[in-house]
Amino acid sequence: MPPRRKRSTTTIEDAKNNTRTDSTKKRYTTQIRTIVQWAMAHGHSQGVLDRNTLNLATFSFGDFTKFLEWCYQTKHMAASTLGSYRSAIVFLYEKQGVTIPQAFQDELPHIMKGYSRFIAADIEEGVQTTKSKRPLTIEEMKRLTSRSVALADAGCTHAYLLLTWNLMGRSGSTASIHLNSLSWEEDCLGVQFRRLKTAQEGVGPNKPRHCFANPLKPNLCVVLALGLYLVMHPTMDPDARLFPAVNPGDNFSRSFAKLVHALVALDGVDRLPNVATHSIRKGAVTFASSGCTSGPSTGVLTTRARWSLGDVLDRYNHYAPAGDQYAGRIVSGLPESSAAFGTLPPHFGARDDPVVADAVRVVFPTLCNAACLSTVLRMCLASVVYHREWLVDTFPQHHTLFSTVLFRNKDLLHQLAPNVTINDGNIRRTGIPPH
């Protein structure tokens, strides 16, 4: 995790430099270098300051439009990529303190619109292939999670993948989840986001996104995935991020690409073109909205996915638990046309069982000290215990899971097993439609 900034030494310059994320600034820097390389190779070197940046006092609006022309003529770029070069050079104007030419506001929008139409026509005519990421299907998710669950990375890829799917979020949003943002909401896991890509200043009054267990399909179960991850990381800091690596999103992107490649190579399935981490978010929303004939409303899905509906609808359409709970049940993969749609998560029958309380302290020796996580840990532990036989049959014999306290202590596992159930207890079902 990057070092924490100190409030006492934060300056005005720090605030000015904090209007964009580090990853965005890194991408802009790379794009500016591309413009520099073009300028050096095509007779526009008067606008180059050094090999890493431009001299905007001499690099003109006309030079930039020539660069866009070269991009369209020689590169099969998406319209969004062309647009990102515009954002990069605007960022550089701000950084160098140079006034942005009026033509950037008056002429450039028309030029960009024209290129967007050219690119759309090229794609339609087969001259250019689309680079837009397509949504994953639920069947592809089933195959991917059947492989990710037993990867030799202590449950990281599997938990990251299923959280991203169930939350209908961006990979970067999953990377930002803190352990103390997790909660247990009656019959499901709750996850709150502190910041999002579209709300870097914070998301304001926050409500949990509901993520439901699917004990009928263990490889798709987000609560089991979280439980496995926490069992294999028993000494995590309760105040830290759930995925505390320096660049968890980048790590997951590489792991996900390998997972997709393995699915194609080993399972003999058709190629998965244009599939990347953003396909997860697209797939989850598509499945929830169109995967059944009675899906959640558009308002519910856009609120869960944190999309804008426009000024008027954003003012009047707000989050409410019932709709989000229904969306959470749908996206979990529970069978919506069956009574099993209301299946409860694995849970311990007795709330105050001292055996369970001791087990939580033994299995999660540091996390158990966070009061806000007490029920989350109990439910995660219950899911792992409930699926113990499936885990033994599915995981390689020498997997990290079997070296954890829970699986080394056979007596503890056998003591807990009879107390776990998915039948009716004192848990109220939520997210159940009236039909």
Protein backbone atom coordinates (compact mmCIF):
# COMPACT_ATOMS: atom_id res chain seq x y z
CA MET A 1 0.00 0.00 0.00
CA PRO A 2 1.34 3.50 -0.80
CA PRO A 3 2.50 5.60 2.18
CA ARG A 4 -0.27 7.55 3.91
CA ARG A 5 -0.24 11.30 3.29
CA LYS A 6 0.23 13.49 6.38
CA ARG A 7 -2.42 16.21 6.81
CA SER A 8 0.00 18.41 8.75
CA THR A 9 2.35 18.74 5.77
CA THR A 10 -0.19 18.88 2.92
CA THR A 11 0.23 22.07 0.86
CA ILE A 12 -1.75 24.05 -1.74
CA GLU A 13 0.48 22.54 -4.42
CA ASP A 14 -0.43 19.07 -3.17
CA ALA A 15 -4.11 19.97 -3.54
CA LYS A 16 -3.57 21.26 -7.07
CA ASN A 17 -1.78 18.05 -8.00
CA ASN A 18 -4.56 15.92 -6.54
CA THR A 19 -7.25 16.70 -9.11
CA ARG A 20 -6.45 13.48 -10.98
CA THR A 21 -5.51 10.02 -9.78
CA ASP A 22 -1.94 8.78 -10.03
CA SER A 23 -2.96 6.18 -12.62
CA THR A 24 -4.58 8.86 -14.79
CA LYS A 25 -1.50 11.09 -14.57
CA LYS A 26 0.70 8.12 -15.47
CA ARG A 27 -1.44 7.41 -18.54
CA TYR A 28 -1.33 11.08 -19.60
CA THR A 29 2.46 11.12 -19.26
CA THR A 30 2.74 8.08 -21.55
CA GLN A 31 0.43 9.71 -24.11
CA ILE A 32 2.41 12.96 -24.07
CA ARG A 33 5.56 10.94 -24.83
CA THR A 34 3.76 9.44 -27.83
CA ILE A 35 2.98 12.95 -29.10
CA VAL A 36 6.63 13.94 -28.53
CA GLN A 37 7.84 10.95 -30.58
CA TRP A 38 5.43 11.86 -33.39
CA ALA A 39 6.56 15.51 -33.33
CA MET A 40 10.25 14.54 -33.54
CA ALA A 41 9.60 12.18 -36.46
CA HIS A 42 7.30 14.44 -38.49
CA GLY A 43 8.97 17.85 -38.54
CA HIS A 44 7.31 19.41 -35.49
CA SER A 45 10.35 19.35 -33.21
CA GLN A 46 9.98 23.08 -32.45
CA GLY A 47 7.20 22.06 -30.07
CA VAL A 48 9.35 19.58 -28.13
CA LEU A 49 10.87 20.56 -24.79
CA ASP A 50 12.66 17.25 -24.23
CA ARG A 51 12.00 13.61 -25.05
CA ASN A 52 9.37 13.39 -22.29
CA THR A 53 7.28 16.50 -22.79
CA LEU A 54 6.17 19.32 -25.08
CA ASN A 55 6.87 23.04 -25.06
CA LEU A 56 3.33 24.37 -25.18
CA ALA A 57 4.54 27.89 -25.85
CA THR A 58 5.53 26.67 -29.33
CA PHE A 59 3.48 23.48 -29.84
CA SER A 60 0.35 24.81 -31.52
CA PHE A 61 -3.26 23.72 -31.84
CA GLY A 62 -2.52 23.02 -35.50
CA ASP A 63 0.31 20.67 -34.48
CA PHE A 64 -2.07 18.74 -32.25
CA THR A 65 -4.72 18.37 -34.96
CA LYS A 66 -2.01 17.08 -37.30
CA PHE A 67 -1.20 14.49 -34.66
CA LEU A 68 -4.87 13.44 -34.51
CA GLU A 69 -4.90 13.20 -38.30
CA TRP A 70 -1.84 10.92 -38.20
CA CYS A 71 -3.46 8.76 -35.50
CA TYR A 72 -6.58 8.21 -37.57
CA GLN A 73 -4.67 7.55 -40.79
CA THR A 74 -2.13 5.10 -39.36
CA LYS A 75 -3.56 3.66 -36.12
CA HIS A 76 -6.80 1.77 -35.59
CA MET A 77 -7.66 3.69 -32.44
CA ALA A 78 -11.00 3.79 -30.69
CA ALA A 79 -12.69 7.18 -30.51
CA SER A 80 -12.23 7.15 -26.74
CA THR A 81 -8.45 6.77 -27.21
CA LEU A 82 -8.34 9.85 -29.43
CA GLY A 83 -10.34 11.67 -26.78
CA SER A 84 -7.87 10.66 -24.08
CA TYR A 85 -5.04 12.38 -26.04
CA ARG A 86 -7.08 15.57 -25.85
CA SER A 87 -7.42 15.12 -22.09
CA ALA A 88 -3.67 14.47 -21.81
CA ILE A 89 -2.67 17.68 -23.54
CA VAL A 90 -5.20 19.73 -21.55
CA PHE A 91 -3.61 18.27 -18.42
CA LEU A 92 -0.18 19.36 -19.70
CA TYR A 93 -1.44 22.94 -20.35
CA GLU A 94 -2.60 23.08 -16.72
CA LYS A 95 0.67 21.61 -15.45
CA GLN A 96 2.81 24.10 -17.37
CA GLY A 97 0.56 27.03 -16.48
CA VAL A 98 -0.07 27.91 -20.13
CA THR A 99 -3.44 29.27 -21.23
CA ILE A 100 -5.37 26.73 -23.29
CA PRO A 101 -5.98 28.10 -26.82
CA GLN A 102 -9.59 29.01 -27.53
CA ALA A 103 -9.57 26.64 -30.49
CA PHE A 104 -9.54 23.71 -28.04
CA GLN A 105 -13.02 24.78 -26.96
CA ASP A 106 -14.35 26.10 -30.28
CA GLU A 107 -12.97 23.76 -32.96
CA LEU A 108 -11.72 20.59 -31.30
CA PRO A 109 -15.16 19.25 -30.21
CA HIS A 110 -16.32 19.32 -33.86
CA ILE A 111 -13.13 17.60 -35.03
CA MET A 112 -13.48 14.88 -32.40
CA LYS A 113 -17.13 14.32 -33.31
CA GLY A 114 -16.17 13.94 -36.95
CA TYR A 115 -13.46 11.38 -36.19
CA SER A 116 -15.87 9.47 -33.95
CA ARG A 117 -18.27 9.15 -36.86
CA PHE A 118 -15.49 8.06 -39.20
CA ILE A 119 -14.42 5.36 -36.72
CA ALA A 120 -18.02 4.15 -36.25
CA ALA A 121 -18.41 3.89 -40.05
CA ASP A 122 -15.09 2.03 -40.35
CA ILE A 123 -16.20 -0.50 -37.74
CA GLU A 124 -19.54 -0.99 -39.48
CA GLU A 125 -17.81 -1.54 -42.84
CA GLY A 126 -15.22 -3.93 -41.38
CA VAL A 127 -12.29 -1.60 -42.04
CA GLN A 128 -11.59 -1.44 -38.29
CA THR A 129 -12.46 -3.90 -35.57
CA THR A 130 -14.05 -2.63 -32.38
CA LYS A 131 -11.85 -2.55 -29.32
CA SER A 132 -14.77 -2.12 -26.96
CA LYS A 133 -14.81 -4.77 -24.24
CA ARG A 134 -17.80 -7.06 -24.46
CA PRO A 135 -19.75 -8.32 -21.45
CA LEU A 136 -18.96 -11.68 -19.89
CA THR A 137 -21.86 -14.11 -19.88
CA ILE A 138 -22.91 -15.96 -16.75
CA GLU A 139 -21.78 -19.23 -18.34
CA GLU A 140 -18.31 -17.76 -18.91
CA MET A 141 -18.27 -16.56 -15.30
CA LYS A 142 -19.08 -20.08 -14.13
CA ARG A 143 -16.17 -21.49 -16.12
CA LEU A 144 -13.77 -18.75 -15.02
CA THR A 145 -14.66 -19.07 -11.33
CA SER A 146 -14.37 -22.86 -11.48
CA ARG A 147 -10.69 -22.23 -12.33
CA SER A 148 -10.03 -19.15 -10.20
CA VAL A 149 -11.29 -20.71 -6.95
CA ALA A 150 -8.29 -23.03 -6.56
CA LEU A 151 -5.53 -20.79 -7.96
CA ALA A 152 -2.30 -20.76 -5.96
CA ASP A 153 -2.65 -17.11 -4.90
CA ALA A 154 -4.36 -17.60 -1.53
CA GLY A 155 -7.81 -16.77 -2.86
CA CYS A 156 -6.98 -13.26 -4.09
CA THR A 157 -8.03 -13.51 -7.75
CA HIS A 158 -11.19 -15.44 -6.95
CA ALA A 159 -12.38 -13.02 -4.26
CA TYR A 160 -11.52 -9.98 -6.40
CA LEU A 161 -13.35 -11.42 -9.41
CA LEU A 162 -16.55 -12.29 -7.54
CA LEU A 163 -16.67 -9.02 -5.62
CA THR A 164 -16.29 -7.06 -8.86
CA TRP A 165 -19.07 -9.12 -10.49
CA ASN A 166 -21.50 -8.94 -7.56
CA LEU A 167 -20.93 -5.24 -6.93
CA MET A 168 -21.24 -4.45 -10.66
CA GLY A 169 -18.25 -2.23 -10.10
CA ARG A 170 -15.05 -1.18 -11.75
CA SER A 171 -11.88 -3.07 -10.92
CA GLY A 172 -10.50 0.09 -9.34
CA SER A 173 -13.50 0.30 -7.02
CA THR A 174 -12.90 -3.25 -5.81
CA ALA A 175 -9.27 -2.36 -5.15
CA SER A 176 -10.41 0.51 -2.90
CA ILE A 177 -12.58 -1.60 -0.56
CA HIS A 178 -11.49 -1.37 3.08
CA LEU A 179 -12.10 -4.16 5.56
CA ASN A 180 -14.01 -1.78 7.80
CA SER A 181 -16.31 -1.01 4.85
CA LEU A 182 -17.73 -4.55 5.10
CA SER A 183 -20.86 -5.27 7.10
CA TRP A 184 -23.47 -7.98 7.48
CA GLU A 185 -26.98 -6.91 6.46
CA GLU A 186 -29.53 -9.44 7.76
CA ASP A 187 -28.97 -12.24 5.18
CA CYS A 188 -26.18 -10.85 2.99
CA LEU A 189 -22.81 -9.14 2.85
CA GLY A 190 -22.82 -5.35 2.67
CA VAL A 191 -20.03 -3.37 0.98
CA GLN A 192 -19.64 0.40 1.06
CA PHE A 193 -17.41 2.47 -1.21
CA ARG A 194 -15.62 5.53 0.12
CA ARG A 195 -14.61 6.88 -3.27
CA LEU A 196 -15.34 5.95 -6.87
CA LYS A 197 -13.91 6.83 -10.26
CA THR A 198 -16.82 9.22 -10.84
CA ALA A 199 -16.71 10.60 -7.28
CA GLN A 200 -13.08 11.14 -6.29
CA GLU A 201 -14.14 13.70 -3.67
CA GLY A 202 -16.16 10.99 -1.91
CA VAL A 203 -19.56 9.50 -2.58
CA GLY A 204 -21.48 11.40 0.08
CA PRO A 205 -24.08 9.60 2.21
CA ASN A 206 -23.31 5.95 1.58
CA LYS A 207 -25.41 2.82 1.72
CA PRO A 208 -24.20 -0.76 1.45
CA ARG A 209 -24.36 -2.73 -1.78
CA HIS A 210 -25.90 -6.11 -0.94
CA CYS A 211 -23.99 -9.23 -2.01
CA PHE A 212 -25.71 -12.59 -1.52
CA ALA A 213 -24.27 -16.03 -0.92
CA ASN A 214 -24.98 -18.75 -3.46
CA PRO A 215 -24.50 -22.04 -1.60
CA LEU A 216 -26.05 -23.87 -4.57
CA LYS A 217 -23.03 -22.99 -6.77
CA PRO A 218 -19.95 -22.73 -4.52
CA ASN A 219 -17.64 -21.47 -7.27
CA LEU A 220 -20.00 -18.49 -7.81
CA CYS A 221 -20.49 -17.72 -4.11
CA VAL A 222 -19.04 -14.34 -3.15
CA VAL A 223 -19.37 -14.99 0.60
CA LEU A 224 -17.44 -18.25 0.30
CA ALA A 225 -14.82 -16.46 -1.84
CA LEU A 226 -14.39 -13.78 0.82
CA GLY A 227 -14.29 -16.42 3.54
CA LEU A 228 -11.56 -18.40 1.80
CA TYR A 229 -9.54 -15.24 1.24
CA LEU A 230 -9.78 -14.17 4.90
CA VAL A 231 -9.05 -17.69 6.21
CA MET A 232 -5.85 -17.71 4.15
CA HIS A 233 -4.90 -14.18 5.32
CA PRO A 234 -5.48 -14.54 9.08
CA THR A 235 -3.33 -11.62 10.25
CA MET A 236 -4.71 -8.80 8.12
CA ASP A 237 -4.99 -5.32 9.61
CA PRO A 238 -8.70 -4.55 10.23
CA ASP A 239 -8.11 -0.92 9.23
CA ALA A 240 -6.37 -1.78 5.96
CA ARG A 241 -7.69 -2.30 2.48
CA LEU A 242 -9.13 -5.71 1.73
CA PHE A 243 -6.51 -6.12 -1.02
CA PRO A 244 -3.49 -4.34 0.47
CA ALA A 245 -1.01 -4.74 -2.42
CA VAL A 246 0.45 -1.57 -3.93
CA ASN A 247 -1.40 -2.07 -7.25
CA PRO A 248 -4.12 -4.68 -6.64
CA GLY A 249 -6.04 -3.66 -9.77
CA ASP A 250 -3.00 -4.21 -11.99
CA ASN A 251 -2.27 -7.52 -10.29
CA PHE A 252 -5.83 -8.68 -10.88
CA SER A 253 -5.79 -7.52 -14.50
CA ARG A 254 -2.75 -9.70 -15.21
CA SER A 255 -4.20 -12.66 -13.33
CA PHE A 256 -7.55 -12.30 -15.08
CA ALA A 257 -5.85 -12.24 -18.50
CA LYS A 258 -4.04 -15.48 -17.64
CA LEU A 259 -7.32 -16.97 -16.45
CA VAL A 260 -9.05 -16.13 -19.73
CA HIS A 261 -6.12 -17.50 -21.72
CA ALA A 262 -6.19 -20.74 -19.72
CA LEU A 263 -9.92 -21.09 -20.28
CA VAL A 264 -9.41 -20.85 -24.03
CA ALA A 265 -6.34 -23.08 -24.14
CA LEU A 266 -7.32 -25.82 -21.71
CA ASP A 267 -11.11 -26.02 -21.93
CA GLY A 268 -11.22 -25.86 -25.71
CA VAL A 269 -13.88 -23.12 -25.68
CA ASP A 270 -14.27 -20.57 -28.42
CA ARG A 271 -11.98 -17.56 -28.29
CA LEU A 272 -13.00 -14.79 -25.89
CA PRO A 273 -12.24 -11.70 -27.98
CA ASN A 274 -12.34 -8.25 -26.39
CA VAL A 275 -12.57 -9.63 -22.88
CA ALA A 276 -10.82 -7.74 -20.08
CA THR A 277 -11.55 -6.68 -16.51
CA HIS A 278 -14.23 -4.18 -17.63
CA SER A 279 -16.11 -7.11 -19.20
CA ILE A 280 -16.94 -8.23 -15.65
CA ARG A 281 -18.87 -5.05 -14.84
CA LYS A 282 -20.60 -5.07 -18.22
CA GLY A 283 -21.47 -8.73 -17.86
CA ALA A 284 -22.93 -8.37 -14.36
CA VAL A 285 -25.18 -5.47 -15.34
CA THR A 286 -26.24 -7.21 -18.55
CA PHE A 287 -27.04 -10.43 -16.67
CA ALA A 288 -29.05 -8.61 -14.00
CA SER A 289 -31.02 -6.54 -16.51
CA SER A 290 -31.50 -9.04 -19.34
CA GLY A 291 -30.64 -12.46 -17.95
CA CYS A 292 -34.21 -13.04 -16.81
CA THR A 293 -37.64 -11.76 -17.76
CA SER A 294 -38.25 -9.95 -14.49
CA GLY A 295 -34.98 -8.22 -13.70
CA PRO A 296 -34.47 -5.16 -11.50
CA SER A 297 -35.46 -1.75 -12.84
CA THR A 298 -33.03 0.45 -14.73
CA GLY A 299 -33.08 2.89 -11.82
CA VAL A 300 -31.98 0.18 -9.39
CA LEU A 301 -29.15 -1.03 -11.63
CA THR A 302 -27.81 2.43 -12.45
CA THR A 303 -27.82 3.33 -8.76
CA ARG A 304 -26.00 0.11 -7.83
CA ALA A 305 -23.47 0.58 -10.63
CA ARG A 306 -23.10 4.30 -9.78
CA TRP A 307 -24.09 5.62 -13.19
CA SER A 308 -25.75 8.95 -13.74
CA LEU A 309 -29.33 9.13 -15.06
CA GLY A 310 -29.05 12.85 -15.77
CA ASP A 311 -29.59 15.82 -13.47
CA VAL A 312 -33.35 15.47 -13.03
CA LEU A 313 -33.48 11.70 -12.46
CA ASP A 314 -30.40 11.79 -10.23
CA ARG A 315 -32.22 14.32 -8.07
CA TYR A 316 -35.31 12.15 -7.67
CA ASN A 317 -34.09 8.54 -8.06
CA HIS A 318 -32.28 7.45 -4.91
CA TYR A 319 -30.97 4.27 -3.35
CA ALA A 320 -33.38 2.06 -1.39
CA PRO A 321 -32.43 -1.30 0.12
CA ALA A 322 -35.20 -3.48 -1.36
CA GLY A 323 -34.28 -2.86 -5.00
CA ASP A 324 -30.57 -3.25 -4.36
CA GLN A 325 -31.20 -6.49 -2.46
CA TYR A 326 -33.18 -7.90 -5.38
CA ALA A 327 -30.40 -6.93 -7.79
CA GLY A 328 -27.89 -8.58 -5.44
CA ARG A 329 -29.82 -11.86 -5.43
CA ILE A 330 -30.12 -11.84 -9.23
CA VAL A 331 -26.43 -11.19 -9.89
CA SER A 332 -25.37 -13.84 -7.36
CA GLY A 333 -26.62 -16.50 -9.77
CA LEU A 334 -29.40 -17.83 -7.54
CA PRO A 335 -32.21 -19.37 -9.68
CA GLU A 336 -34.73 -16.53 -10.03
CA SER A 337 -37.55 -18.76 -11.31
CA SER A 338 -37.38 -21.16 -8.37
CA ALA A 339 -38.18 -21.12 -4.66
CA ALA A 340 -34.43 -21.64 -4.21
CA PHE A 341 -34.00 -17.97 -5.14
CA GLY A 342 -34.61 -17.25 -1.47
CA THR A 343 -31.90 -19.64 -0.24
CA LEU A 344 -30.28 -18.39 2.95
CA PRO A 345 -26.51 -18.21 3.37
CA PRO A 346 -24.75 -20.90 5.40
CA HIS A 347 -24.94 -19.81 9.03
CA PHE A 348 -24.48 -21.18 12.52
CA GLY A 349 -27.79 -22.11 14.12
CA ALA A 350 -27.03 -20.72 17.58
CA ARG A 351 -25.98 -17.07 17.81
CA ASP A 352 -24.11 -17.38 21.10
CA ASP A 353 -22.39 -20.73 20.63
CA PRO A 354 -19.05 -20.51 22.55
CA VAL A 355 -17.48 -23.02 20.14
CA VAL A 356 -18.15 -20.65 17.23
CA ALA A 357 -16.89 -17.63 19.18
CA ASP A 358 -13.66 -19.45 20.01
CA ALA A 359 -13.28 -20.59 16.40
CA VAL A 360 -13.58 -17.02 15.11
CA ARG A 361 -10.80 -15.93 17.48
CA VAL A 362 -8.57 -18.83 16.44
CA VAL A 363 -9.15 -18.57 12.67
CA PHE A 364 -9.10 -14.74 12.48
CA PRO A 365 -6.71 -13.71 15.30
CA THR A 366 -6.41 -10.02 14.33
CA LEU A 367 -9.64 -9.37 12.43
CA CYS A 368 -11.70 -10.66 15.37
CA ASN A 369 -10.69 -7.53 17.30
CA ALA A 370 -12.76 -5.33 14.94
CA ALA A 371 -16.30 -5.24 16.31
CA CYS A 372 -17.70 -4.12 12.94
CA LEU A 373 -16.50 -7.39 11.37
CA SER A 374 -17.78 -9.85 14.00
CA THR A 375 -20.86 -11.03 12.07
CA VAL A 376 -19.05 -10.91 8.72
CA LEU A 377 -16.38 -13.26 10.09
CA ARG A 378 -18.99 -15.64 11.55
CA MET A 379 -20.83 -15.85 8.22
CA CYS A 380 -17.63 -16.26 6.22
CA LEU A 381 -16.49 -19.02 8.55
CA ALA A 382 -19.89 -20.72 8.24
CA SER A 383 -19.63 -20.73 4.43
CA VAL A 384 -16.16 -22.28 4.49
CA VAL A 385 -17.24 -24.96 6.96
CA TYR A 386 -20.46 -25.67 5.02
CA HIS A 387 -18.51 -26.28 1.80
CA ARG A 388 -15.62 -28.17 3.40
CA GLU A 389 -16.20 -31.42 1.47
CA TRP A 390 -16.52 -29.57 -1.84
CA LEU A 391 -13.30 -27.69 -1.08
CA VAL A 392 -11.41 -30.91 -0.32
CA ASP A 393 -12.64 -32.43 -3.60
CA THR A 394 -11.92 -29.28 -5.66
CA PHE A 395 -8.61 -27.92 -4.37
CA PRO A 396 -5.18 -29.47 -5.00
CA GLN A 397 -3.93 -31.50 -2.08
CA HIS A 398 -1.09 -29.08 -1.24
CA HIS A 399 -3.10 -25.86 -1.57
CA THR A 400 -2.48 -23.11 0.99
CA LEU A 401 -6.02 -23.54 2.30
CA PHE A 402 -5.18 -26.89 3.86
CA SER A 403 -2.30 -25.42 5.84
CA THR A 404 -4.58 -22.90 7.59
CA VAL A 405 -5.58 -23.23 11.24
CA LEU A 406 -9.12 -24.25 10.32
CA PHE A 407 -8.14 -27.21 8.14
CA ARG A 408 -5.18 -28.30 10.27
CA ASN A 409 -7.40 -28.52 13.34
CA LYS A 410 -9.68 -31.40 12.36
CA ASP A 411 -11.37 -31.43 15.77
CA LEU A 412 -12.39 -27.80 15.40
CA LEU A 413 -13.76 -28.39 11.90
CA HIS A 414 -15.76 -31.40 13.10
CA GLN A 415 -17.13 -29.44 16.05
CA LEU A 416 -18.34 -26.62 13.81
CA ALA A 417 -19.79 -28.70 10.97
CA PRO A 418 -23.01 -29.93 12.65
CA ASN A 419 -23.94 -26.34 13.61
CA VAL A 420 -24.00 -24.96 10.05
CA THR A 421 -27.25 -24.82 8.09
CA ILE A 422 -28.94 -23.01 5.20
CA ASN A 423 -32.41 -23.76 6.54
CA ASP A 424 -34.78 -21.34 8.22
CA GLY A 425 -33.51 -19.85 11.42
CA ASN A 426 -33.70 -16.41 12.92
CA ILE A 427 -32.50 -14.76 9.69
CA ARG A 428 -34.98 -12.74 7.66
CA ARG A 429 -34.87 -13.20 3.90
CA THR A 430 -34.45 -10.00 1.89
CA GLY A 431 -34.52 -9.19 -1.81
CA ILE A 432 -37.43 -11.56 -2.53
CA PRO A 433 -39.83 -10.33 -5.26
CA PRO A 434 -43.62 -10.56 -4.76
CA HIS A 435 -44.16 -12.82 -7.77
